[in-house]
């Protein structure tokens, strides 16, 4: 049987298994496993409020694994060091260019490490700040001011930074926001319900945007 082009294979895989999302287990010593209740809560919110049918338990996948290609949406978070090997860079780049999407939510402390690794991942591309009229801010819930601030740490404004390939947003880096903390169980950070709801609505917009591409 004639072998399908790799891009078509990947797109077919995404279509067949498009109801699952995964957390990226990266190296370097950073706490990739932080915010354990965040994604499950976001998934429940999306299934209830925007009509998705996501599996309730997110998977865990490494940057070098071929399993990466089974998930159209990969989430990454933490506070500290991040390091991708050459093999991981090659695999992760192939995944993103073939139709995958990576959301990096900085839990405060990742910035200098993730920006170093992104230069390895996309040496000829720069992070671009998303304009407030980007569709991701108005998918299911309106955010006319752009990315919301969930937790205040150092007085910096929240930023939604992206990397684009052929006009498609392939990577979203949310910085100075603490979006994932707002998705966690209410008892974890004792956030007021309006704050948690705001975070979950913005997360829903990201999920909706990715699954509508």
N, C-alpha and C. Protein backbone atom coordinates (compact mmCIF):
# COMPACT_ATOMS: atom_id res chain seq x y z
N UNK A 1 0.84 -1.19 0.00
CA UNK A 1 0.00 0.00 0.00
C UNK A 1 0.88 1.24 0.00
N UNK A 2 0.49 2.22 -0.79
CA UNK A 2 1.28 3.45 -0.88
C UNK A 2 1.24 4.20 0.44
N UNK A 3 2.40 4.66 0.89
CA UNK A 3 2.48 5.35 2.18
C UNK A 3 1.97 6.78 2.05
N UNK A 4 1.14 7.19 3.01
CA UNK A 4 0.63 8.55 3.00
C UNK A 4 1.73 9.54 3.36
N UNK A 5 1.69 10.76 2.79
CA UNK A 5 2.63 11.80 3.22
C UNK A 5 2.51 12.02 4.72
N UNK A 6 3.62 12.31 5.38
CA UNK A 6 3.63 12.42 6.84
C UNK A 6 2.64 13.45 7.35
N UNK A 7 2.48 14.59 6.63
CA UNK A 7 1.56 15.61 7.10
C UNK A 7 0.14 15.08 7.12
N UNK A 8 -0.24 14.33 6.07
CA UNK A 8 -1.58 13.78 6.02
C UNK A 8 -1.80 12.77 7.12
N UNK A 9 -0.78 11.94 7.39
CA UNK A 9 -0.88 10.97 8.47
C UNK A 9 -1.17 11.68 9.79
N UNK A 10 -0.45 12.76 10.05
CA UNK A 10 -0.61 13.47 11.31
C UNK A 10 -1.99 14.10 11.41
N UNK A 11 -2.47 14.68 10.31
CA UNK A 11 -3.78 15.31 10.34
C UNK A 11 -4.87 14.27 10.56
N UNK A 12 -4.73 13.10 9.96
CA UNK A 12 -5.69 12.02 10.17
C UNK A 12 -5.68 11.59 11.63
N UNK A 13 -4.48 11.45 12.21
CA UNK A 13 -4.37 11.07 13.62
C UNK A 13 -5.06 12.07 14.52
N UNK A 14 -4.85 13.38 14.28
CA UNK A 14 -5.50 14.40 15.08
C UNK A 14 -7.02 14.28 15.00
N UNK A 15 -7.52 13.99 13.79
CA UNK A 15 -8.96 13.91 13.62
C UNK A 15 -9.55 12.74 14.41
N UNK A 16 -8.87 11.62 14.39
CA UNK A 16 -9.39 10.42 15.04
C UNK A 16 -9.30 10.50 16.56
N UNK A 17 -8.30 11.19 17.08
CA UNK A 17 -8.12 11.22 18.53
C UNK A 17 -8.21 12.63 19.08
N UNK A 18 -9.05 13.44 18.46
CA UNK A 18 -9.12 14.86 18.80
C UNK A 18 -9.89 15.19 20.05
N UNK A 19 -10.30 14.17 20.83
CA UNK A 19 -11.06 14.45 22.03
C UNK A 19 -10.22 14.27 23.29
N UNK A 20 -8.92 14.26 23.15
CA UNK A 20 -8.03 14.15 24.30
C UNK A 20 -6.99 15.26 24.25
N UNK A 21 -6.57 15.71 25.42
CA UNK A 21 -5.47 16.66 25.50
C UNK A 21 -4.44 16.11 26.48
N UNK A 22 -3.24 16.68 26.45
CA UNK A 22 -2.16 16.11 27.24
C UNK A 22 -1.29 17.19 27.87
N UNK A 23 -0.61 16.79 28.93
CA UNK A 23 0.38 17.63 29.63
C UNK A 23 1.77 17.22 29.17
N UNK A 24 2.64 18.19 28.93
CA UNK A 24 4.00 17.90 28.48
C UNK A 24 4.91 17.67 29.68
N UNK A 25 5.53 16.50 29.71
CA UNK A 25 6.50 16.14 30.76
C UNK A 25 7.90 16.43 30.23
N UNK A 26 8.44 17.58 30.60
CA UNK A 26 9.72 18.03 30.05
C UNK A 26 10.86 17.82 31.05
N UNK A 27 12.10 17.90 30.57
CA UNK A 27 13.27 17.75 31.41
C UNK A 27 13.83 19.08 31.86
N UNK A 28 14.89 19.02 32.66
CA UNK A 28 15.54 20.22 33.14
C UNK A 28 15.35 20.49 34.62
N UNK A 29 14.46 19.72 35.24
CA UNK A 29 14.25 19.89 36.68
C UNK A 29 13.07 20.74 37.07
N UNK A 30 12.42 21.36 36.09
CA UNK A 30 11.24 22.17 36.41
C UNK A 30 10.05 21.30 36.77
N UNK A 31 9.10 21.89 37.48
CA UNK A 31 7.96 21.12 37.98
C UNK A 31 6.84 21.09 36.93
N UNK A 32 7.04 20.25 35.92
CA UNK A 32 6.05 20.09 34.84
C UNK A 32 4.70 19.62 35.37
N UNK A 33 4.71 19.00 36.55
CA UNK A 33 3.53 18.38 37.14
C UNK A 33 2.74 19.33 38.02
N UNK A 34 3.12 20.60 38.08
CA UNK A 34 2.41 21.53 38.96
C UNK A 34 0.98 21.76 38.48
N UNK A 35 0.15 22.31 39.36
CA UNK A 35 -1.27 22.55 39.08
C UNK A 35 -2.01 21.28 38.65
N UNK A 36 -1.96 20.23 39.46
CA UNK A 36 -2.55 18.95 39.04
C UNK A 36 -4.06 18.97 38.83
N UNK A 37 -4.76 19.88 39.49
CA UNK A 37 -6.22 19.92 39.31
C UNK A 37 -6.65 20.88 38.21
N UNK A 38 -5.70 21.59 37.62
CA UNK A 38 -6.04 22.65 36.66
C UNK A 38 -6.71 22.12 35.40
N UNK A 39 -6.02 21.25 34.67
CA UNK A 39 -6.58 20.76 33.41
C UNK A 39 -7.87 19.97 33.61
N UNK A 40 -7.94 19.06 34.59
CA UNK A 40 -9.23 18.37 34.79
C UNK A 40 -10.39 19.34 35.01
N UNK A 41 -10.15 20.40 35.77
CA UNK A 41 -11.22 21.38 35.99
C UNK A 41 -11.56 22.14 34.72
N UNK A 42 -10.55 22.49 33.93
CA UNK A 42 -10.80 23.18 32.67
C UNK A 42 -11.58 22.27 31.72
N UNK A 43 -11.21 21.00 31.67
CA UNK A 43 -11.92 20.06 30.79
C UNK A 43 -13.39 19.96 31.19
N UNK A 44 -13.66 19.84 32.48
CA UNK A 44 -15.05 19.77 32.95
C UNK A 44 -15.81 21.04 32.58
N UNK A 45 -15.16 22.18 32.74
CA UNK A 45 -15.81 23.46 32.41
C UNK A 45 -16.12 23.52 30.92
N UNK A 46 -15.18 23.11 30.09
CA UNK A 46 -15.39 23.14 28.64
C UNK A 46 -16.51 22.19 28.23
N UNK A 47 -16.50 20.98 28.77
CA UNK A 47 -17.54 20.02 28.41
C UNK A 47 -18.93 20.50 28.81
N UNK A 48 -19.00 21.22 29.93
CA UNK A 48 -20.29 21.71 30.42
C UNK A 48 -20.75 22.96 29.70
N UNK A 49 -19.80 23.85 29.37
CA UNK A 49 -20.17 25.19 28.92
C UNK A 49 -19.98 25.47 27.44
N UNK A 50 -19.11 24.74 26.76
CA UNK A 50 -18.91 25.06 25.33
C UNK A 50 -19.10 23.84 24.43
N UNK A 51 -19.62 22.75 25.00
CA UNK A 51 -20.01 21.63 24.18
C UNK A 51 -18.92 20.68 23.73
N UNK A 52 -17.74 20.76 24.32
CA UNK A 52 -16.69 19.81 23.98
C UNK A 52 -17.00 18.45 24.63
N UNK A 53 -16.31 17.43 24.16
CA UNK A 53 -16.46 16.08 24.71
C UNK A 53 -15.07 15.52 25.01
N UNK A 54 -14.31 16.28 25.76
CA UNK A 54 -12.94 15.90 26.07
C UNK A 54 -12.92 14.81 27.14
N UNK A 55 -11.94 13.92 27.03
CA UNK A 55 -11.72 12.93 28.08
C UNK A 55 -11.39 13.67 29.38
N UNK A 56 -11.98 13.24 30.49
CA UNK A 56 -11.86 14.00 31.73
C UNK A 56 -10.46 13.99 32.31
N UNK A 57 -9.70 12.94 32.07
CA UNK A 57 -8.34 12.85 32.60
C UNK A 57 -7.33 13.14 31.49
N UNK A 58 -6.59 14.24 31.60
CA UNK A 58 -5.57 14.53 30.58
C UNK A 58 -4.45 13.50 30.61
N UNK A 59 -3.85 13.25 29.48
CA UNK A 59 -2.73 12.33 29.39
C UNK A 59 -1.43 13.06 29.70
N UNK A 60 -0.36 12.29 29.83
CA UNK A 60 0.98 12.85 30.01
C UNK A 60 1.85 12.35 28.88
N UNK A 61 2.61 13.25 28.25
CA UNK A 61 3.41 12.88 27.09
C UNK A 61 4.75 13.60 27.14
N UNK A 62 5.80 12.96 26.67
CA UNK A 62 7.12 13.58 26.64
C UNK A 62 7.38 14.19 25.26
N UNK A 63 8.26 15.18 25.17
CA UNK A 63 8.52 15.84 23.88
C UNK A 63 9.11 14.93 22.82
N UNK A 64 9.74 13.84 23.21
CA UNK A 64 10.39 12.95 22.24
C UNK A 64 9.49 11.81 21.78
N UNK A 65 8.32 11.66 22.41
CA UNK A 65 7.47 10.51 22.14
C UNK A 65 6.64 10.70 20.87
N UNK A 66 6.43 9.62 20.13
CA UNK A 66 5.53 9.66 18.98
C UNK A 66 4.08 9.82 19.43
N UNK A 67 3.80 9.54 20.68
CA UNK A 67 2.45 9.74 21.20
C UNK A 67 2.04 11.21 21.16
N UNK A 68 3.02 12.09 21.10
CA UNK A 68 2.74 13.52 21.01
C UNK A 68 1.77 13.81 19.87
N UNK A 69 1.91 13.07 18.77
CA UNK A 69 1.13 13.33 17.57
C UNK A 69 -0.32 12.86 17.68
N UNK A 70 -0.67 12.28 18.79
CA UNK A 70 -2.05 11.84 19.00
C UNK A 70 -2.93 12.94 19.58
N UNK A 71 -2.32 14.06 19.98
CA UNK A 71 -3.06 15.09 20.69
C UNK A 71 -2.96 16.44 19.97
N UNK A 72 -4.09 17.04 19.62
CA UNK A 72 -4.05 18.34 18.95
C UNK A 72 -3.69 19.49 19.89
N UNK A 73 -3.82 19.25 21.21
CA UNK A 73 -3.55 20.30 22.20
C UNK A 73 -2.65 19.73 23.30
N UNK A 74 -1.51 20.37 23.49
CA UNK A 74 -0.57 20.00 24.56
C UNK A 74 -0.41 21.20 25.48
N UNK A 75 -0.50 20.94 26.78
CA UNK A 75 -0.36 21.99 27.79
C UNK A 75 0.94 21.80 28.55
N UNK A 76 1.59 22.91 28.85
CA UNK A 76 2.88 22.87 29.55
C UNK A 76 2.89 23.98 30.61
N UNK A 77 3.37 23.66 31.81
CA UNK A 77 3.42 24.67 32.86
C UNK A 77 4.57 24.37 33.81
N UNK A 78 4.75 25.20 34.81
CA UNK A 78 5.81 25.03 35.80
C UNK A 78 6.36 26.35 36.28
N UNK A 79 7.34 26.25 37.16
CA UNK A 79 7.96 27.44 37.77
C UNK A 79 9.44 27.59 37.44
N UNK A 80 10.09 26.51 36.99
CA UNK A 80 11.56 26.55 36.93
C UNK A 80 12.15 26.18 35.59
N UNK A 81 13.27 25.46 35.65
CA UNK A 81 14.07 25.18 34.47
C UNK A 81 13.35 24.27 33.47
N UNK A 82 13.62 24.54 32.21
CA UNK A 82 13.11 23.73 31.10
C UNK A 82 14.29 23.43 30.19
N UNK A 83 14.39 22.17 29.75
CA UNK A 83 15.46 21.82 28.80
C UNK A 83 14.94 20.77 27.83
N UNK A 84 15.12 21.06 26.53
CA UNK A 84 14.77 20.12 25.48
C UNK A 84 16.06 19.60 24.83
N UNK A 85 16.16 18.29 24.68
CA UNK A 85 17.28 17.69 23.96
C UNK A 85 17.10 17.93 22.46
N UNK A 86 18.14 17.64 21.69
CA UNK A 86 18.05 17.79 20.24
C UNK A 86 16.94 16.91 19.67
N UNK A 87 16.84 15.69 20.18
CA UNK A 87 15.79 14.78 19.72
C UNK A 87 14.40 15.34 20.02
N UNK A 88 14.26 15.91 21.21
CA UNK A 88 12.97 16.49 21.60
C UNK A 88 12.63 17.71 20.75
N UNK A 89 13.63 18.53 20.47
CA UNK A 89 13.42 19.70 19.62
C UNK A 89 12.92 19.28 18.24
N UNK A 90 13.55 18.27 17.66
CA UNK A 90 13.15 17.79 16.34
C UNK A 90 11.72 17.28 16.35
N UNK A 91 11.39 16.48 17.34
CA UNK A 91 10.06 15.88 17.42
C UNK A 91 8.99 16.93 17.70
N UNK A 92 9.28 17.82 18.64
CA UNK A 92 8.31 18.85 19.00
C UNK A 92 8.08 19.81 17.85
N UNK A 93 9.14 20.16 17.13
CA UNK A 93 9.01 21.03 15.97
C UNK A 93 8.15 20.37 14.89
N UNK A 94 8.40 19.09 14.63
CA UNK A 94 7.60 18.36 13.63
C UNK A 94 6.13 18.34 14.02
N UNK A 95 5.87 18.12 15.29
CA UNK A 95 4.50 18.10 15.80
C UNK A 95 3.79 19.43 15.55
N UNK A 96 4.45 20.52 15.89
CA UNK A 96 3.83 21.84 15.76
C UNK A 96 3.62 22.23 14.30
N UNK A 97 4.60 21.95 13.46
CA UNK A 97 4.50 22.32 12.06
C UNK A 97 3.48 21.46 11.32
N UNK A 98 3.18 20.30 11.86
CA UNK A 98 2.24 19.39 11.21
C UNK A 98 0.80 19.59 11.66
N UNK A 99 0.56 20.55 12.53
CA UNK A 99 -0.81 20.83 12.94
C UNK A 99 -1.06 20.82 14.43
N UNK A 100 -0.04 20.52 15.24
CA UNK A 100 -0.21 20.49 16.68
C UNK A 100 -0.19 21.88 17.29
N UNK A 101 -0.51 21.94 18.57
CA UNK A 101 -0.57 23.22 19.28
C UNK A 101 -0.02 23.03 20.70
N UNK A 102 0.82 23.96 21.13
CA UNK A 102 1.40 23.94 22.47
C UNK A 102 1.01 25.20 23.22
N UNK A 103 0.39 25.03 24.38
CA UNK A 103 0.10 26.15 25.27
C UNK A 103 1.05 26.07 26.46
N UNK A 104 1.87 27.08 26.62
CA UNK A 104 2.80 27.17 27.75
C UNK A 104 2.26 28.22 28.71
N UNK A 105 1.89 27.79 29.90
CA UNK A 105 1.39 28.72 30.91
C UNK A 105 2.46 28.89 31.98
N UNK A 106 3.09 30.05 31.99
CA UNK A 106 4.17 30.33 32.94
C UNK A 106 3.58 30.53 34.33
N UNK A 107 3.97 29.66 35.23
CA UNK A 107 3.49 29.72 36.60
C UNK A 107 4.38 30.60 37.47
N UNK A 108 5.04 31.55 36.80
CA UNK A 108 6.03 32.45 37.37
C UNK A 108 7.36 31.72 37.63
N UNK A 109 8.37 32.04 36.81
CA UNK A 109 9.69 31.47 36.99
C UNK A 109 10.25 30.75 35.77
N UNK A 110 9.44 30.56 34.73
CA UNK A 110 9.89 29.82 33.55
C UNK A 110 10.52 30.70 32.47
N UNK A 111 10.28 31.99 32.52
CA UNK A 111 10.51 32.85 31.36
C UNK A 111 11.90 32.73 30.76
N UNK A 112 12.96 32.88 31.56
CA UNK A 112 14.30 32.87 30.98
C UNK A 112 14.67 31.51 30.40
N UNK A 113 14.08 30.46 30.95
CA UNK A 113 14.37 29.12 30.45
C UNK A 113 13.57 28.80 29.19
N UNK A 114 12.29 29.12 29.21
CA UNK A 114 11.46 28.77 28.06
C UNK A 114 11.84 29.60 26.84
N UNK A 115 12.21 30.85 27.03
CA UNK A 115 12.61 31.66 25.88
C UNK A 115 13.91 31.15 25.28
N UNK A 116 14.80 30.64 26.10
CA UNK A 116 16.03 30.02 25.59
C UNK A 116 15.70 28.79 24.76
N UNK A 117 14.79 27.95 25.26
CA UNK A 117 14.45 26.72 24.54
C UNK A 117 13.64 27.00 23.28
N UNK A 118 12.84 28.05 23.30
CA UNK A 118 12.07 28.38 22.10
C UNK A 118 12.96 28.86 20.97
N UNK A 119 14.10 29.46 21.31
CA UNK A 119 15.06 29.85 20.27
C UNK A 119 15.67 28.61 19.62
N UNK A 120 15.79 27.54 20.36
CA UNK A 120 16.25 26.27 19.79
C UNK A 120 15.15 25.64 18.94
N UNK A 121 13.93 25.78 19.39
CA UNK A 121 12.80 25.17 18.70
C UNK A 121 12.49 25.89 17.39
N UNK A 122 12.52 27.22 17.44
CA UNK A 122 12.23 28.04 16.26
C UNK A 122 13.29 29.13 16.13
N UNK A 123 14.48 28.79 15.65
CA UNK A 123 15.58 29.77 15.61
C UNK A 123 15.30 30.97 14.71
N UNK A 124 14.39 30.84 13.78
CA UNK A 124 14.12 31.93 12.84
C UNK A 124 12.79 32.63 13.11
N UNK A 125 12.22 32.36 14.25
CA UNK A 125 10.95 33.00 14.61
C UNK A 125 11.07 33.68 15.96
N UNK A 126 10.24 34.68 16.16
CA UNK A 126 10.20 35.41 17.43
C UNK A 126 8.80 35.31 18.03
N UNK A 127 8.74 35.35 19.35
CA UNK A 127 7.45 35.46 20.01
C UNK A 127 6.81 36.80 19.67
N UNK A 128 5.54 36.77 19.31
CA UNK A 128 4.81 37.99 18.98
C UNK A 128 3.64 38.13 19.96
N UNK A 129 3.43 39.34 20.44
CA UNK A 129 2.29 39.54 21.33
C UNK A 129 1.00 39.56 20.52
N UNK A 130 0.01 38.80 20.98
CA UNK A 130 -1.27 38.75 20.29
C UNK A 130 -2.05 40.04 20.54
N UNK A 131 -2.58 40.61 19.48
CA UNK A 131 -3.41 41.81 19.59
C UNK A 131 -4.71 41.47 20.31
N UNK A 132 -5.31 42.45 20.95
CA UNK A 132 -6.52 42.20 21.72
C UNK A 132 -7.69 41.78 20.83
N UNK A 133 -7.58 42.03 19.51
CA UNK A 133 -8.65 41.59 18.61
C UNK A 133 -8.38 40.22 18.00
N UNK A 134 -7.36 39.52 18.50
CA UNK A 134 -7.12 38.17 18.01
C UNK A 134 -8.32 37.28 18.37
N UNK A 135 -8.71 36.36 17.48
CA UNK A 135 -9.90 35.52 17.73
C UNK A 135 -9.86 34.74 19.04
N UNK A 136 -8.68 34.44 19.56
CA UNK A 136 -8.60 33.65 20.78
C UNK A 136 -9.23 34.37 21.97
N UNK A 137 -9.34 35.70 21.88
CA UNK A 137 -9.93 36.47 22.98
C UNK A 137 -11.43 36.66 22.82
N UNK A 138 -11.99 36.06 21.79
CA UNK A 138 -13.43 36.23 21.58
C UNK A 138 -14.07 34.97 21.00
N UNK A 139 -13.54 33.81 21.38
CA UNK A 139 -14.06 32.55 20.87
C UNK A 139 -15.44 32.23 21.43
N UNK A 140 -15.47 32.00 22.72
CA UNK A 140 -16.72 31.67 23.42
C UNK A 140 -17.12 32.77 24.39
N UNK A 141 -16.09 33.42 24.94
CA UNK A 141 -16.30 34.47 25.93
C UNK A 141 -15.46 35.68 25.55
N UNK A 142 -16.02 36.88 25.63
CA UNK A 142 -15.28 38.07 25.22
C UNK A 142 -14.27 38.54 26.27
N UNK A 143 -13.05 38.81 25.80
CA UNK A 143 -12.01 39.42 26.61
C UNK A 143 -11.47 40.61 25.82
N UNK A 144 -12.21 41.71 25.82
CA UNK A 144 -11.83 42.86 24.97
C UNK A 144 -10.50 43.49 25.33
N UNK A 145 -10.01 43.24 26.55
CA UNK A 145 -8.71 43.78 26.96
C UNK A 145 -7.59 42.75 26.78
N UNK A 146 -7.90 41.61 26.21
CA UNK A 146 -6.88 40.58 26.02
C UNK A 146 -6.76 39.67 27.23
N UNK A 147 -5.59 39.10 27.41
CA UNK A 147 -5.36 38.11 28.47
C UNK A 147 -5.62 38.70 29.85
N UNK A 148 -6.43 38.02 30.67
CA UNK A 148 -6.72 38.56 32.01
C UNK A 148 -5.58 38.27 33.00
N UNK A 149 -5.53 39.07 34.04
CA UNK A 149 -4.59 38.86 35.14
C UNK A 149 -5.31 38.04 36.21
N UNK A 150 -4.75 36.88 36.55
CA UNK A 150 -5.38 36.02 37.54
C UNK A 150 -4.72 36.19 38.91
N UNK A 151 -3.40 36.10 38.97
CA UNK A 151 -2.67 36.31 40.22
C UNK A 151 -1.63 37.41 40.03
N UNK A 152 -1.55 38.28 40.99
CA UNK A 152 -0.57 39.38 40.97
C UNK A 152 0.67 38.98 41.75
N UNK A 153 1.83 39.08 41.10
CA UNK A 153 3.09 38.76 41.77
C UNK A 153 4.05 39.94 41.78
N UNK A 154 4.17 40.61 40.64
CA UNK A 154 5.22 41.62 40.54
C UNK A 154 4.79 42.88 39.80
N UNK A 155 3.50 43.07 39.63
CA UNK A 155 3.01 44.30 39.02
C UNK A 155 3.13 44.38 37.52
N UNK A 156 3.56 43.30 36.87
CA UNK A 156 3.71 43.30 35.42
C UNK A 156 2.37 42.96 34.76
N UNK A 157 2.15 43.49 33.57
CA UNK A 157 0.90 43.21 32.87
C UNK A 157 0.94 41.81 32.25
N UNK A 158 -0.20 41.16 32.14
CA UNK A 158 -0.24 39.84 31.50
C UNK A 158 0.02 39.95 30.00
N UNK A 159 0.67 38.94 29.44
CA UNK A 159 0.97 38.92 28.02
C UNK A 159 0.63 37.57 27.41
N UNK A 160 -0.02 37.61 26.26
CA UNK A 160 -0.25 36.41 25.46
C UNK A 160 0.69 36.50 24.27
N UNK A 161 1.72 35.67 24.26
CA UNK A 161 2.74 35.69 23.22
C UNK A 161 2.60 34.45 22.35
N UNK A 162 2.79 34.62 21.06
CA UNK A 162 2.59 33.49 20.17
C UNK A 162 3.70 33.32 19.16
N UNK A 163 3.80 32.12 18.62
CA UNK A 163 4.65 31.83 17.47
C UNK A 163 3.73 31.34 16.36
N UNK A 164 3.90 31.92 15.18
CA UNK A 164 3.06 31.62 14.04
C UNK A 164 3.87 30.89 12.97
N UNK A 165 3.20 29.99 12.28
CA UNK A 165 3.79 29.32 11.12
C UNK A 165 2.78 29.35 9.99
N UNK A 166 3.17 30.01 8.91
CA UNK A 166 2.30 30.16 7.74
C UNK A 166 0.93 30.70 8.14
N UNK A 167 0.96 31.68 9.03
CA UNK A 167 -0.25 32.35 9.47
C UNK A 167 -1.03 31.65 10.56
N UNK A 168 -0.61 30.46 10.95
CA UNK A 168 -1.31 29.70 11.99
C UNK A 168 -0.58 29.83 13.31
N UNK A 169 -1.32 30.11 14.37
CA UNK A 169 -0.75 30.15 15.71
C UNK A 169 -0.47 28.72 16.15
N UNK A 170 0.81 28.39 16.34
CA UNK A 170 1.18 27.02 16.71
C UNK A 170 1.57 26.91 18.17
N UNK A 171 1.88 28.04 18.80
CA UNK A 171 2.33 28.04 20.19
C UNK A 171 1.84 29.30 20.87
N UNK A 172 1.26 29.13 22.04
CA UNK A 172 0.80 30.25 22.85
C UNK A 172 1.52 30.21 24.19
N UNK A 173 2.15 31.33 24.54
CA UNK A 173 2.87 31.44 25.82
C UNK A 173 2.17 32.51 26.65
N UNK A 174 1.50 32.10 27.72
CA UNK A 174 0.82 33.05 28.60
C UNK A 174 1.74 33.38 29.77
N UNK A 175 2.03 34.66 29.91
CA UNK A 175 3.06 35.15 30.83
C UNK A 175 2.48 36.22 31.75
N UNK A 176 2.95 36.24 33.00
CA UNK A 176 2.50 37.23 33.99
C UNK A 176 0.98 37.19 34.18
N UNK A 177 0.46 35.99 34.21
CA UNK A 177 -0.99 35.81 34.25
C UNK A 177 -1.42 34.81 35.32
N UNK A 178 -0.73 33.64 35.37
CA UNK A 178 -1.09 32.55 36.28
C UNK A 178 -2.46 31.96 35.94
N UNK A 179 -2.69 31.79 34.66
CA UNK A 179 -3.97 31.29 34.19
C UNK A 179 -4.30 29.92 34.79
N UNK A 180 -3.32 29.01 34.78
CA UNK A 180 -3.55 27.66 35.29
C UNK A 180 -3.89 27.62 36.76
N UNK A 181 -3.33 28.54 37.54
CA UNK A 181 -3.67 28.59 38.97
C UNK A 181 -5.17 28.86 39.14
N UNK A 182 -5.70 29.68 38.25
CA UNK A 182 -7.13 29.98 38.33
C UNK A 182 -8.02 28.82 37.97
N UNK A 183 -7.46 27.81 37.29
CA UNK A 183 -8.24 26.61 36.95
C UNK A 183 -8.27 25.61 38.09
N UNK A 184 -7.40 25.75 39.05
CA UNK A 184 -7.28 24.74 40.11
C UNK A 184 -8.51 24.73 41.02
N UNK A 185 -8.58 23.68 41.85
CA UNK A 185 -9.67 23.59 42.82
C UNK A 185 -9.73 24.86 43.66
N UNK A 186 -10.92 25.30 44.06
CA UNK A 186 -11.06 26.55 44.82
C UNK A 186 -10.23 26.58 46.09
N UNK A 187 -10.02 25.43 46.74
CA UNK A 187 -9.30 25.40 48.01
C UNK A 187 -7.79 25.53 47.85
N UNK A 188 -7.29 25.43 46.62
CA UNK A 188 -5.83 25.48 46.42
C UNK A 188 -5.30 26.89 46.62
N UNK A 189 -5.96 27.87 46.02
CA UNK A 189 -5.48 29.26 46.11
C UNK A 189 -6.49 30.20 46.75
N UNK A 190 -7.67 29.66 47.08
CA UNK A 190 -8.73 30.47 47.69
C UNK A 190 -9.11 31.68 46.84
N UNK A 191 -9.08 31.49 45.53
CA UNK A 191 -9.48 32.58 44.64
C UNK A 191 -10.98 32.81 44.73
N UNK A 192 -11.43 34.06 44.66
CA UNK A 192 -12.87 34.32 44.58
C UNK A 192 -13.44 33.65 43.32
N UNK A 193 -14.69 33.25 43.39
CA UNK A 193 -15.30 32.55 42.26
C UNK A 193 -15.26 33.35 40.96
N UNK A 194 -15.46 34.69 40.98
CA UNK A 194 -15.36 35.44 39.73
C UNK A 194 -13.97 35.35 39.09
N UNK A 195 -12.93 35.25 39.90
CA UNK A 195 -11.57 35.13 39.37
C UNK A 195 -11.38 33.76 38.71
N UNK A 196 -11.82 32.70 39.40
CA UNK A 196 -11.72 31.36 38.82
C UNK A 196 -12.52 31.26 37.53
N UNK A 197 -13.71 31.84 37.53
CA UNK A 197 -14.55 31.78 36.34
C UNK A 197 -13.89 32.51 35.18
N UNK A 198 -13.28 33.63 35.46
CA UNK A 198 -12.57 34.37 34.42
C UNK A 198 -11.44 33.54 33.83
N UNK A 199 -10.69 32.87 34.69
CA UNK A 199 -9.59 32.03 34.21
C UNK A 199 -10.12 30.86 33.37
N UNK A 200 -11.19 30.23 33.83
CA UNK A 200 -11.75 29.09 33.12
C UNK A 200 -12.34 29.52 31.78
N UNK A 201 -12.93 30.69 31.73
CA UNK A 201 -13.48 31.18 30.46
C UNK A 201 -12.36 31.45 29.45
N UNK A 202 -11.25 32.03 29.92
CA UNK A 202 -10.14 32.27 29.01
C UNK A 202 -9.54 30.95 28.55
N UNK A 203 -9.43 29.99 29.46
CA UNK A 203 -8.96 28.67 29.08
C UNK A 203 -9.87 28.01 28.05
N UNK A 204 -11.17 28.19 28.22
CA UNK A 204 -12.13 27.65 27.26
C UNK A 204 -11.94 28.27 25.89
N UNK A 205 -11.65 29.55 25.86
CA UNK A 205 -11.38 30.21 24.58
C UNK A 205 -10.18 29.58 23.87
N UNK A 206 -9.15 29.25 24.65
CA UNK A 206 -7.96 28.64 24.05
C UNK A 206 -8.31 27.28 23.48
N UNK A 207 -9.02 26.47 24.27
CA UNK A 207 -9.42 25.14 23.79
C UNK A 207 -10.30 25.26 22.55
N UNK A 208 -11.28 26.14 22.59
CA UNK A 208 -12.18 26.33 21.46
C UNK A 208 -11.42 26.77 20.22
N UNK A 209 -10.49 27.67 20.40
CA UNK A 209 -9.70 28.16 19.26
C UNK A 209 -8.92 27.03 18.61
N UNK A 210 -8.25 26.22 19.43
CA UNK A 210 -7.42 25.14 18.90
C UNK A 210 -8.28 24.10 18.18
N UNK A 211 -9.42 23.75 18.74
CA UNK A 211 -10.25 22.70 18.14
C UNK A 211 -11.06 23.21 16.95
N UNK A 212 -11.01 24.51 16.71
CA UNK A 212 -11.70 25.05 15.53
C UNK A 212 -10.74 25.28 14.37
N UNK A 213 -9.44 25.05 14.57
CA UNK A 213 -8.46 25.29 13.50
C UNK A 213 -8.62 24.25 12.39
